[in-house]
Amino acid sequence: MEEEEITLQEAAKLVVKPISASTVYYYIKKGLLPKPKHIPNTKKGRGSLAVYPVSMVRRIQYIRDQLAKNHSINELINEVAPTNEDIKKLYSKTLDELSDLVKKGKHNEPEFKRGILLLSSGTGPASMIDFSLFEKKNKK
């Protein structure tokens, strides 16, 4: 099942103590949060809308909690940011899934279109990394 997606402004408001969108953009720039996935903006009928997995709210709270405990941004980057290898694996997985859909003649299905949009958005599968996996990996 696909995870619900929200806008950056919605995510910033859902954190225990709301933060500014610019702070969230800073976390994204530093690699602590995923880049957005761009989907067609159905409300305006044109352009695209940047969305994030709803789990990003939990991730923002985790970052804020760690910073409150005097961890630095660089410590957090070293602890939880995905590696290039992680991102390569996600690209490979997405391409394999798209290839399977083409072989099955499902190139007109919504899941195929989402995959193509994801790869062509410039952010790619890296925007879908489940950061909770990195938290678990680093708690060992």
Protein backbone atom coordinates (compact mmCIF):
# COMPACT_ATOMS: atom_id res chain seq x y z
CA MET A 1 0.00 0.00 0.00
CA GLU A 2 1.26 3.42 -0.95
CA GLU A 3 1.99 5.91 1.81
CA GLU A 4 -0.12 9.07 2.02
CA GLU A 5 1.55 12.17 0.66
CA ILE A 6 1.42 15.73 2.00
CA THR A 7 2.82 19.12 1.10
CA LEU A 8 5.77 20.65 2.88
CA GLN A 9 3.57 23.24 4.56
CA GLU A 10 1.28 20.49 5.91
CA ALA A 11 4.27 18.53 7.20
CA ALA A 12 5.75 21.59 8.94
CA LYS A 13 2.45 22.22 10.74
CA LEU A 14 2.07 18.60 11.94
CA VAL A 15 5.32 18.54 13.92
CA VAL A 16 4.78 18.78 17.71
CA LYS A 17 6.13 22.34 17.69
CA PRO A 18 5.51 23.65 14.15
CA ILE A 19 8.54 24.89 12.21
CA SER A 20 9.00 27.10 9.20
CA ALA A 21 9.07 25.75 5.68
CA SER A 22 12.53 27.29 5.25
CA THR A 23 13.86 25.09 8.08
CA VAL A 24 12.43 22.02 6.37
CA TYR A 25 14.05 23.13 3.07
CA TYR A 26 17.36 23.42 4.94
CA TYR A 27 17.01 19.84 6.24
CA ILE A 28 16.28 18.69 2.68
CA LYS A 29 19.31 20.55 1.33
CA LYS A 30 21.49 18.85 3.95
CA GLY A 31 20.16 15.43 2.97
CA LEU A 32 18.32 14.77 6.23
CA LEU A 33 14.92 14.68 4.53
CA PRO A 34 13.87 13.40 1.12
CA LYS A 35 13.49 15.67 -1.86
CA PRO A 36 9.89 16.04 -2.94
CA LYS A 37 8.14 13.91 -5.48
CA HIS A 38 6.40 16.00 -8.13
CA ILE A 39 2.89 15.03 -9.14
CA PRO A 40 0.44 16.73 -11.51
CA ASN A 41 -1.35 19.59 -9.78
CA THR A 42 -4.98 18.52 -10.24
CA LYS A 43 -6.32 21.46 -8.23
CA LYS A 44 -4.96 24.05 -10.64
CA GLY A 45 -5.09 21.80 -13.69
CA ARG A 46 -1.51 22.55 -14.70
CA GLY A 47 2.01 22.36 -13.37
CA SER A 48 3.16 20.06 -10.63
CA LEU A 49 2.84 19.84 -6.89
CA ALA A 50 5.71 18.86 -4.60
CA VAL A 51 4.64 16.19 -2.12
CA TYR A 52 6.36 14.22 0.61
CA PRO A 53 5.59 10.97 2.41
CA VAL A 54 3.58 11.61 5.57
CA SER A 55 6.34 9.77 7.49
CA MET A 56 8.41 12.91 6.93
CA VAL A 57 6.63 14.44 9.93
CA ARG A 58 8.13 11.74 12.19
CA ARG A 59 11.51 12.36 10.55
CA ILE A 60 11.34 16.12 11.16
CA GLN A 61 10.49 15.48 14.80
CA TYR A 62 13.43 13.06 15.10
CA ILE A 63 15.82 15.68 13.69
CA ARG A 64 14.50 18.36 16.03
CA ASP A 65 14.78 16.03 19.04
CA GLN A 66 18.38 15.18 18.17
CA LEU A 67 19.30 18.83 17.67
CA ALA A 68 17.72 19.65 21.04
CA LYS A 69 20.06 17.04 22.57
CA ASN A 70 22.99 19.05 21.19
CA HIS A 71 23.71 16.82 18.21
CA SER A 72 25.02 18.77 15.23
CA ILE A 73 23.61 18.73 11.72
CA ASN A 74 26.83 17.04 10.54
CA GLU A 75 26.45 14.28 13.15
CA LEU A 76 22.91 13.66 11.94
CA ILE A 77 24.03 13.60 8.31
CA ASN A 78 26.66 10.99 9.12
CA GLU A 79 24.15 8.97 11.13
CA VAL A 80 21.12 8.82 8.88
CA ALA A 81 21.63 10.26 5.41
CA PRO A 82 21.29 7.67 2.64
CA THR A 83 24.43 6.71 0.76
CA ASN A 84 24.85 6.81 -3.00
CA GLU A 85 24.60 3.01 -2.91
CA ASP A 86 21.19 3.23 -1.20
CA ILE A 87 19.96 5.61 -3.89
CA LYS A 88 21.37 3.42 -6.70
CA LYS A 89 19.47 0.45 -5.28
CA LEU A 90 16.24 2.45 -5.30
CA TYR A 91 16.76 3.57 -8.89
CA SER A 92 17.48 -0.01 -9.93
CA LYS A 93 14.38 -1.29 -8.12
CA THR A 94 12.18 1.36 -9.74
CA LEU A 95 13.55 0.60 -13.20
CA ASP A 96 12.97 -3.13 -12.65
CA GLU A 97 9.37 -2.48 -11.59
CA LEU A 98 8.78 -0.32 -14.68
CA SER A 99 10.31 -2.97 -16.92
CA ASP A 100 8.02 -5.64 -15.43
CA LEU A 101 4.98 -3.44 -16.05
CA VAL A 102 6.00 -2.93 -19.70
CA LYS A 103 6.48 -6.69 -20.16
CA LYS A 104 2.96 -7.21 -18.81
CA GLY A 105 1.57 -4.58 -21.19
CA LYS A 106 0.64 -2.27 -18.32
CA HIS A 107 2.35 0.85 -19.64
CA ASN A 108 -0.94 2.79 -19.42
CA GLU A 109 -1.53 1.91 -15.76
CA PRO A 110 -1.33 4.66 -13.10
CA GLU A 111 1.53 2.89 -11.27
CA PHE A 112 3.64 2.96 -14.48
CA LYS A 113 2.91 6.65 -15.02
CA ARG A 114 3.85 7.39 -11.38
CA GLY A 115 7.14 5.54 -11.84
CA ILE A 116 7.99 7.47 -15.01
CA LEU A 117 7.06 10.75 -13.34
CA LEU A 118 9.19 9.84 -10.33
CA LEU A 119 12.25 9.09 -12.46
CA SER A 120 11.79 12.18 -14.63
CA SER A 121 11.12 14.56 -11.73
CA GLY A 122 14.79 15.11 -11.00
CA THR A 123 14.43 13.77 -7.49
CA GLY A 124 13.79 10.16 -8.38
CA PRO A 125 13.42 7.30 -5.94
CA ALA A 126 15.62 9.12 -3.44
CA SER A 127 12.50 11.06 -2.54
CA MET A 128 10.88 7.84 -1.38
CA ILE A 129 13.61 6.60 0.95
CA ASP A 130 12.14 5.28 4.17
CA PHE A 131 14.29 7.07 6.72
CA SER A 132 12.99 4.87 9.52
CA LEU A 133 15.16 2.11 8.03
CA PHE A 134 18.23 4.26 8.61
CA GLU A 135 17.18 4.99 12.19
CA LYS A 136 16.86 1.26 12.88
CA LYS A 137 20.16 0.53 11.12
CA ASN A 138 21.98 3.10 13.26
CA LYS A 139 20.48 1.99 16.59
CA LYS A 140 22.39 -1.33 16.40
